[in-house]
Amino acid sequence: MKSALNLALSRSLDLVEVSPNSCPPVCKLMDYGKYKYLQRKRDKASKKKVKGLELKEVKMRPKIESHDLQVKASIIRRILAEGNKVKIMILFRGREMDYAEASKRLLEKLIDEMTDMARVERKPDLEGKTLIAILAPK
């Protein structure tokens, strides 16, 4: 052990115990600071490659026309196919709040169309002047 420590000091390296439970204990000569730096660099690079689930928003108005609704439905399908969650929002202004129930039925109809490729993570709910529902891919 002393000879290994002397060898490490003469080479300006660190003596690192790799396997302390084995008999005899296994040690390694290395620059421990450089090792930690490279380990952090590898961890950071691996985190960059991991793709998390994104939450994408699709906004509409309560008096949306049928063709525009079909376009929004195709956008939602594309987002779900990419593997992302979708937050569907119907925004109300002024007297449009009177149409909240009709908009809720419209949103539920849209969600029913998406049942083949999505599951409802949050049912349609009114928050202030916004009707919100969240869909996640199956």
N, C-alpha and C. Protein backbone atom coordinates (compact mmCIF):
# COMPACT_ATOMS: atom_id res chain seq x y z
N MET A 1 0.83 -1.19 0.00
CA MET A 1 0.00 0.00 0.00
C MET A 1 0.88 1.25 0.00
N LYS A 2 1.95 1.22 0.80
CA LYS A 2 2.84 2.37 0.88
C LYS A 2 3.55 2.61 -0.44
N SER A 3 3.92 1.51 -1.12
CA SER A 3 4.63 1.66 -2.40
C SER A 3 3.69 2.26 -3.45
N ALA A 4 2.42 1.88 -3.41
CA ALA A 4 1.44 2.44 -4.35
C ALA A 4 1.23 3.91 -4.10
N LEU A 5 1.18 4.31 -2.83
CA LEU A 5 1.01 5.71 -2.47
C LEU A 5 2.22 6.53 -2.90
N ASN A 6 3.42 5.98 -2.71
CA ASN A 6 4.64 6.66 -3.16
C ASN A 6 4.66 6.81 -4.68
N LEU A 7 4.24 5.76 -5.38
CA LEU A 7 4.18 5.80 -6.84
C LEU A 7 3.21 6.88 -7.31
N ALA A 8 2.06 6.99 -6.65
CA ALA A 8 1.05 8.01 -7.00
C ALA A 8 1.61 9.41 -6.77
N LEU A 9 2.28 9.60 -5.65
CA LEU A 9 2.86 10.92 -5.36
C LEU A 9 3.95 11.29 -6.35
N SER A 10 4.77 10.32 -6.75
CA SER A 10 5.85 10.61 -7.69
C SER A 10 5.32 10.97 -9.07
N ARG A 11 4.17 10.43 -9.45
CA ARG A 11 3.57 10.73 -10.77
C ARG A 11 2.54 11.85 -10.71
N SER A 12 2.34 12.46 -9.55
CA SER A 12 1.34 13.54 -9.34
C SER A 12 -0.08 13.07 -9.67
N LEU A 13 -0.38 11.85 -9.24
CA LEU A 13 -1.71 11.28 -9.44
C LEU A 13 -2.33 10.95 -8.09
N ASP A 14 -3.59 10.54 -8.13
CA ASP A 14 -4.30 10.15 -6.92
C ASP A 14 -4.42 8.63 -6.87
N LEU A 15 -4.39 8.09 -5.67
CA LEU A 15 -4.61 6.67 -5.47
C LEU A 15 -6.07 6.49 -5.05
N VAL A 16 -6.86 5.89 -5.94
CA VAL A 16 -8.30 5.75 -5.72
C VAL A 16 -8.63 4.29 -5.47
N GLU A 17 -9.35 4.03 -4.38
CA GLU A 17 -9.75 2.67 -4.04
C GLU A 17 -11.00 2.32 -4.86
N VAL A 18 -10.86 1.34 -5.76
CA VAL A 18 -11.93 0.97 -6.68
C VAL A 18 -12.87 -0.05 -6.03
N SER A 19 -12.29 -1.07 -5.43
CA SER A 19 -13.09 -2.14 -4.82
C SER A 19 -12.59 -2.40 -3.40
N PRO A 20 -13.17 -1.74 -2.41
CA PRO A 20 -12.65 -1.87 -1.05
C PRO A 20 -13.00 -3.21 -0.38
N ASN A 21 -14.03 -3.89 -0.85
CA ASN A 21 -14.49 -5.12 -0.20
C ASN A 21 -13.73 -6.36 -0.66
N SER A 22 -12.98 -6.28 -1.75
CA SER A 22 -12.27 -7.45 -2.23
C SER A 22 -11.02 -7.67 -1.39
N CYS A 23 -10.46 -8.84 -1.51
CA CYS A 23 -9.27 -9.16 -0.74
C CYS A 23 -8.16 -9.52 -1.71
N PRO A 24 -7.12 -8.81 -1.89
CA PRO A 24 -6.78 -7.50 -1.31
C PRO A 24 -7.56 -6.39 -1.98
N PRO A 25 -7.71 -5.21 -1.34
CA PRO A 25 -8.44 -4.09 -1.93
C PRO A 25 -7.79 -3.64 -3.25
N VAL A 26 -8.66 -3.30 -4.22
CA VAL A 26 -8.16 -2.90 -5.55
C VAL A 26 -8.10 -1.38 -5.60
N CYS A 27 -6.94 -0.86 -6.01
CA CYS A 27 -6.74 0.59 -6.13
C CYS A 27 -6.30 0.91 -7.55
N LYS A 28 -6.47 2.19 -7.90
CA LYS A 28 -6.16 2.62 -9.26
C LYS A 28 -5.46 3.97 -9.18
N LEU A 29 -4.45 4.16 -10.02
CA LEU A 29 -3.78 5.46 -10.12
C LEU A 29 -4.50 6.28 -11.17
N MET A 30 -4.97 7.47 -10.79
CA MET A 30 -5.69 8.32 -11.75
C MET A 30 -5.68 9.76 -11.27
N ASP A 31 -5.96 10.65 -12.21
CA ASP A 31 -6.16 12.06 -11.86
C ASP A 31 -7.64 12.18 -11.52
N TYR A 32 -7.96 12.20 -10.23
CA TYR A 32 -9.35 12.14 -9.79
C TYR A 32 -10.15 13.37 -10.20
N GLY A 33 -9.54 14.54 -10.20
CA GLY A 33 -10.22 15.76 -10.64
C GLY A 33 -10.66 15.67 -12.09
N LYS A 34 -9.75 15.16 -12.94
CA LYS A 34 -10.06 15.00 -14.36
C LYS A 34 -11.17 13.97 -14.55
N TYR A 35 -11.11 12.88 -13.75
CA TYR A 35 -12.13 11.84 -13.82
C TYR A 35 -13.50 12.41 -13.49
N LYS A 36 -13.62 13.20 -12.42
CA LYS A 36 -14.90 13.80 -12.02
C LYS A 36 -15.39 14.76 -13.09
N TYR A 37 -14.47 15.54 -13.67
CA TYR A 37 -14.84 16.49 -14.73
C TYR A 37 -15.42 15.75 -15.93
N LEU A 38 -14.74 14.69 -16.37
CA LEU A 38 -15.22 13.92 -17.53
C LEU A 38 -16.56 13.24 -17.22
N GLN A 39 -16.73 12.80 -15.98
CA GLN A 39 -17.99 12.18 -15.59
C GLN A 39 -19.14 13.18 -15.65
N ARG A 40 -18.92 14.39 -15.16
CA ARG A 40 -19.95 15.45 -15.23
C ARG A 40 -20.27 15.78 -16.68
N LYS A 41 -19.24 15.83 -17.52
CA LYS A 41 -19.43 16.14 -18.94
C LYS A 41 -20.28 15.05 -19.62
N ARG A 42 -20.02 13.78 -19.31
CA ARG A 42 -20.80 12.67 -19.88
C ARG A 42 -22.25 12.72 -19.41
N ASP A 43 -22.45 13.02 -18.13
CA ASP A 43 -23.81 13.11 -17.58
C ASP A 43 -24.58 14.23 -18.26
N LYS A 44 -23.93 15.36 -18.47
CA LYS A 44 -24.58 16.50 -19.11
C LYS A 44 -24.95 16.17 -20.55
N ALA A 45 -24.06 15.48 -21.27
CA ALA A 45 -24.34 15.10 -22.66
C ALA A 45 -25.48 14.10 -22.74
N SER A 46 -25.56 13.18 -21.79
CA SER A 46 -26.64 12.20 -21.81
C SER A 46 -27.98 12.85 -21.49
N LYS A 47 -27.98 13.89 -20.65
CA LYS A 47 -29.22 14.60 -20.33
C LYS A 47 -29.74 15.36 -21.54
N LYS A 48 -28.85 15.85 -22.39
CA LYS A 48 -29.27 16.58 -23.59
C LYS A 48 -30.01 15.68 -24.55
N LYS A 49 -29.60 14.41 -24.62
CA LYS A 49 -30.20 13.48 -25.58
C LYS A 49 -31.57 12.99 -25.15
N VAL A 50 -31.88 13.07 -23.85
CA VAL A 50 -33.16 12.60 -23.34
C VAL A 50 -34.25 13.60 -23.73
N LYS A 51 -35.29 13.08 -24.38
CA LYS A 51 -36.38 13.96 -24.81
C LYS A 51 -37.56 13.76 -23.86
N GLY A 52 -37.92 14.81 -23.17
CA GLY A 52 -39.04 14.74 -22.24
C GLY A 52 -40.36 14.97 -22.95
N LEU A 53 -41.43 14.71 -22.28
CA LEU A 53 -42.76 14.92 -22.81
C LEU A 53 -43.09 16.41 -22.74
N GLU A 54 -43.44 16.99 -23.86
CA GLU A 54 -43.78 18.40 -23.88
C GLU A 54 -45.29 18.58 -23.79
N LEU A 55 -45.70 19.72 -23.26
CA LEU A 55 -47.11 20.08 -23.20
C LEU A 55 -47.32 21.20 -24.20
N LYS A 56 -48.02 20.91 -25.29
CA LYS A 56 -48.26 21.90 -26.33
C LYS A 56 -49.70 22.41 -26.20
N GLU A 57 -49.89 23.69 -26.50
CA GLU A 57 -51.20 24.32 -26.35
C GLU A 57 -51.87 24.53 -27.70
N VAL A 58 -53.17 24.30 -27.73
CA VAL A 58 -54.00 24.60 -28.90
C VAL A 58 -55.13 25.49 -28.38
N LYS A 59 -55.20 26.73 -28.91
CA LYS A 59 -56.19 27.69 -28.43
C LYS A 59 -57.29 27.87 -29.46
N MET A 60 -58.51 28.06 -28.95
CA MET A 60 -59.68 28.27 -29.82
C MET A 60 -60.58 29.33 -29.19
N ARG A 61 -61.54 29.74 -29.96
CA ARG A 61 -62.58 30.67 -29.50
C ARG A 61 -63.89 29.87 -29.42
N PRO A 62 -64.87 30.33 -28.65
CA PRO A 62 -66.11 29.56 -28.52
C PRO A 62 -66.94 29.51 -29.81
N LYS A 63 -66.86 30.50 -30.64
CA LYS A 63 -67.67 30.53 -31.87
C LYS A 63 -66.83 30.07 -33.06
N ILE A 64 -66.16 28.91 -32.92
CA ILE A 64 -65.30 28.40 -33.97
C ILE A 64 -66.15 27.71 -35.04
N GLU A 65 -65.80 27.91 -36.29
CA GLU A 65 -66.53 27.28 -37.40
C GLU A 65 -66.12 25.82 -37.52
N SER A 66 -66.95 25.02 -38.21
CA SER A 66 -66.72 23.58 -38.28
C SER A 66 -65.41 23.23 -38.99
N HIS A 67 -65.09 23.96 -40.08
CA HIS A 67 -63.84 23.68 -40.80
C HIS A 67 -62.63 24.01 -39.94
N ASP A 68 -62.70 25.13 -39.23
CA ASP A 68 -61.59 25.52 -38.35
C ASP A 68 -61.41 24.48 -37.24
N LEU A 69 -62.52 23.93 -36.76
CA LEU A 69 -62.46 22.90 -35.74
C LEU A 69 -61.79 21.63 -36.28
N GLN A 70 -62.07 21.30 -37.55
CA GLN A 70 -61.42 20.15 -38.18
C GLN A 70 -59.92 20.37 -38.32
N VAL A 71 -59.52 21.59 -38.63
CA VAL A 71 -58.09 21.92 -38.73
C VAL A 71 -57.42 21.78 -37.37
N LYS A 72 -58.07 22.29 -36.33
CA LYS A 72 -57.53 22.17 -34.97
C LYS A 72 -57.43 20.70 -34.56
N ALA A 73 -58.43 19.89 -34.96
CA ALA A 73 -58.41 18.46 -34.64
C ALA A 73 -57.23 17.78 -35.31
N SER A 74 -56.94 18.15 -36.55
CA SER A 74 -55.79 17.54 -37.24
C SER A 74 -54.47 17.97 -36.60
N ILE A 75 -54.41 19.21 -36.12
CA ILE A 75 -53.21 19.69 -35.42
C ILE A 75 -53.02 18.90 -34.13
N ILE A 76 -54.12 18.67 -33.40
CA ILE A 76 -54.06 17.91 -32.15
C ILE A 76 -53.60 16.48 -32.43
N ARG A 77 -54.12 15.88 -33.50
CA ARG A 77 -53.72 14.52 -33.86
C ARG A 77 -52.22 14.46 -34.17
N ARG A 78 -51.71 15.45 -34.87
CA ARG A 78 -50.29 15.49 -35.22
C ARG A 78 -49.43 15.60 -33.96
N ILE A 79 -49.84 16.46 -33.04
CA ILE A 79 -49.08 16.64 -31.78
C ILE A 79 -49.08 15.35 -30.98
N LEU A 80 -50.23 14.68 -30.90
CA LEU A 80 -50.32 13.41 -30.17
C LEU A 80 -49.48 12.33 -30.84
N ALA A 81 -49.44 12.33 -32.17
CA ALA A 81 -48.64 11.35 -32.90
C ALA A 81 -47.15 11.54 -32.64
N GLU A 82 -46.74 12.79 -32.38
CA GLU A 82 -45.33 13.08 -32.05
C GLU A 82 -44.99 12.61 -30.64
N GLY A 83 -46.03 12.28 -29.85
CA GLY A 83 -45.80 11.78 -28.50
C GLY A 83 -45.86 12.86 -27.43
N ASN A 84 -46.44 14.00 -27.74
CA ASN A 84 -46.54 15.09 -26.77
C ASN A 84 -47.96 15.20 -26.22
N LYS A 85 -48.06 15.82 -25.06
CA LYS A 85 -49.37 16.10 -24.47
C LYS A 85 -49.94 17.36 -25.12
N VAL A 86 -51.27 17.48 -25.10
CA VAL A 86 -51.95 18.64 -25.69
C VAL A 86 -52.85 19.28 -24.64
N LYS A 87 -52.70 20.59 -24.52
CA LYS A 87 -53.58 21.36 -23.64
C LYS A 87 -54.52 22.14 -24.56
N ILE A 88 -55.79 21.77 -24.56
CA ILE A 88 -56.78 22.43 -25.42
C ILE A 88 -57.44 23.53 -24.60
N MET A 89 -57.41 24.74 -25.14
CA MET A 89 -57.95 25.89 -24.42
C MET A 89 -58.99 26.60 -25.28
N ILE A 90 -60.14 26.87 -24.68
CA ILE A 90 -61.15 27.72 -25.33
C ILE A 90 -61.20 29.01 -24.51
N LEU A 91 -60.85 30.11 -25.16
CA LEU A 91 -60.75 31.40 -24.49
C LEU A 91 -62.04 32.20 -24.67
N PHE A 92 -62.54 32.78 -23.60
CA PHE A 92 -63.77 33.57 -23.63
C PHE A 92 -63.44 35.04 -23.41
N ARG A 93 -64.20 35.90 -24.10
CA ARG A 93 -64.09 37.35 -23.89
C ARG A 93 -65.49 37.90 -23.68
N GLY A 94 -65.62 38.77 -22.72
CA GLY A 94 -66.88 39.49 -22.51
C GLY A 94 -68.09 38.59 -22.39
N ARG A 95 -69.07 38.82 -23.27
CA ARG A 95 -70.33 38.08 -23.21
C ARG A 95 -70.23 36.65 -23.72
N GLU A 96 -69.08 36.27 -24.22
CA GLU A 96 -68.90 34.89 -24.69
C GLU A 96 -69.01 33.89 -23.55
N MET A 97 -68.90 34.35 -22.30
CA MET A 97 -69.04 33.47 -21.14
C MET A 97 -70.43 32.84 -21.09
N ASP A 98 -71.41 33.45 -21.77
CA ASP A 98 -72.76 32.89 -21.82
C ASP A 98 -72.78 31.56 -22.59
N TYR A 99 -71.76 31.34 -23.43
CA TYR A 99 -71.70 30.14 -24.26
C TYR A 99 -70.78 29.07 -23.65
N ALA A 100 -70.51 29.16 -22.37
CA ALA A 100 -69.58 28.23 -21.72
C ALA A 100 -70.06 26.78 -21.81
N GLU A 101 -71.34 26.54 -21.60
CA GLU A 101 -71.86 25.16 -21.65
C GLU A 101 -71.79 24.60 -23.06
N ALA A 102 -72.14 25.41 -24.06
CA ALA A 102 -72.06 24.96 -25.45
C ALA A 102 -70.61 24.67 -25.82
N SER A 103 -69.69 25.49 -25.34
CA SER A 103 -68.27 25.29 -25.62
C SER A 103 -67.76 24.03 -24.94
N LYS A 104 -68.27 23.74 -23.75
CA LYS A 104 -67.87 22.53 -23.04
C LYS A 104 -68.33 21.30 -23.81
N ARG A 105 -69.54 21.34 -24.36
CA ARG A 105 -70.03 20.23 -25.18
C ARG A 105 -69.17 20.08 -26.45
N LEU A 106 -68.80 21.21 -27.05
CA LEU A 106 -67.94 21.20 -28.24
C LEU A 106 -66.59 20.55 -27.92
N LEU A 107 -66.01 20.91 -26.78
CA LEU A 107 -64.72 20.37 -26.37
C LEU A 107 -64.83 18.87 -26.07
N GLU A 108 -65.92 18.46 -25.43
CA GLU A 108 -66.12 17.03 -25.15
C GLU A 108 -66.28 16.24 -26.44
N LYS A 109 -66.95 16.83 -27.44
CA LYS A 109 -67.11 16.19 -28.75
C LYS A 109 -65.74 16.01 -29.42
N LEU A 110 -64.90 17.04 -29.31
CA LEU A 110 -63.56 17.00 -29.87
C LEU A 110 -62.72 15.91 -29.18
N ILE A 111 -62.87 15.82 -27.87
CA ILE A 111 -62.13 14.80 -27.11
C ILE A 111 -62.59 13.40 -27.50
N ASP A 112 -63.90 13.23 -27.72
CA ASP A 112 -64.43 11.93 -28.14
C ASP A 112 -63.85 11.49 -29.47
N GLU A 113 -63.58 12.44 -30.36
CA GLU A 113 -62.97 12.13 -31.65
C GLU A 113 -61.54 11.63 -31.48
N MET A 114 -60.87 12.06 -30.40
CA MET A 114 -59.47 11.73 -30.19
C MET A 114 -59.26 10.47 -29.34
N THR A 115 -60.33 9.80 -28.93
CA THR A 115 -60.19 8.66 -28.02
C THR A 115 -59.37 7.52 -28.61
N ASP A 116 -59.28 7.41 -29.93
CA ASP A 116 -58.50 6.33 -30.53
C ASP A 116 -57.00 6.49 -30.32
N MET A 117 -56.52 7.71 -30.12
CA MET A 117 -55.07 7.91 -29.96
C MET A 117 -54.69 8.70 -28.71
N ALA A 118 -55.67 9.07 -27.89
CA ALA A 118 -55.34 9.86 -26.70
C ALA A 118 -56.19 9.43 -25.52
N ARG A 119 -55.66 9.70 -24.34
CA ARG A 119 -56.43 9.50 -23.12
C ARG A 119 -56.58 10.86 -22.44
N VAL A 120 -57.69 11.03 -21.76
CA VAL A 120 -57.97 12.31 -21.11
C VAL A 120 -57.21 12.36 -19.79
N GLU A 121 -56.32 13.32 -19.68
CA GLU A 121 -55.57 13.49 -18.45
C GLU A 121 -56.29 14.47 -17.52
N ARG A 122 -57.00 15.41 -18.12
CA ARG A 122 -57.77 16.37 -17.34
C ARG A 122 -59.05 16.68 -18.11
N LYS A 123 -60.18 16.44 -17.50
CA LYS A 123 -61.47 16.67 -18.15
C LYS A 123 -61.70 18.17 -18.33
N PRO A 124 -62.57 18.56 -19.29
CA PRO A 124 -62.82 19.98 -19.52
C PRO A 124 -63.29 20.67 -18.24
N ASP A 125 -62.62 21.76 -17.91
CA ASP A 125 -62.91 22.48 -16.68
C ASP A 125 -62.73 23.97 -16.93
N LEU A 126 -63.61 24.76 -16.35
CA LEU A 126 -63.57 26.21 -16.53
C LEU A 126 -62.68 26.83 -15.45
N GLU A 127 -61.64 27.53 -15.89
CA GLU A 127 -60.74 28.26 -14.98
C GLU A 127 -60.80 29.72 -15.37
N GLY A 128 -61.49 30.51 -14.61
CA GLY A 128 -61.63 31.92 -14.94
C GLY A 128 -62.40 32.07 -16.24
N LYS A 129 -61.77 32.66 -17.24
CA LYS A 129 -62.40 32.84 -18.55
C LYS A 129 -61.83 31.89 -19.59
N THR A 130 -61.31 30.73 -19.12
CA THR A 130 -60.71 29.75 -20.02
C THR A 130 -61.22 28.36 -19.70
N LEU A 131 -61.62 27.65 -20.74
CA LEU A 131 -62.04 26.26 -20.61
C LEU A 131 -60.84 25.41 -21.02
N ILE A 132 -60.39 24.52 -20.13
CA ILE A 132 -59.15 23.78 -20.36
C ILE A 132 -59.39 22.28 -20.24
N ALA A 133 -58.73 21.53 -21.17
CA ALA A 133 -58.68 20.06 -21.11
C ALA A 133 -57.29 19.65 -21.55
N ILE A 134 -56.80 18.55 -20.96
CA ILE A 134 -55.45 18.06 -21.31
C ILE A 134 -55.56 16.63 -21.79
N LEU A 135 -54.97 16.36 -22.95
CA LEU A 135 -54.93 15.01 -23.53
C LEU A 135 -53.49 14.51 -23.56
N ALA A 136 -53.30 13.23 -23.29
CA ALA A 136 -51.98 12.61 -23.36
C ALA A 136 -52.04 11.47 -24.36
N PRO A 137 -50.95 11.20 -25.06
CA PRO A 137 -50.98 10.09 -26.03
C PRO A 137 -51.11 8.74 -25.33
N LYS A 138 -51.75 7.78 -26.01
CA LYS A 138 -51.91 6.44 -25.43
C LYS A 138 -50.61 5.68 -25.51
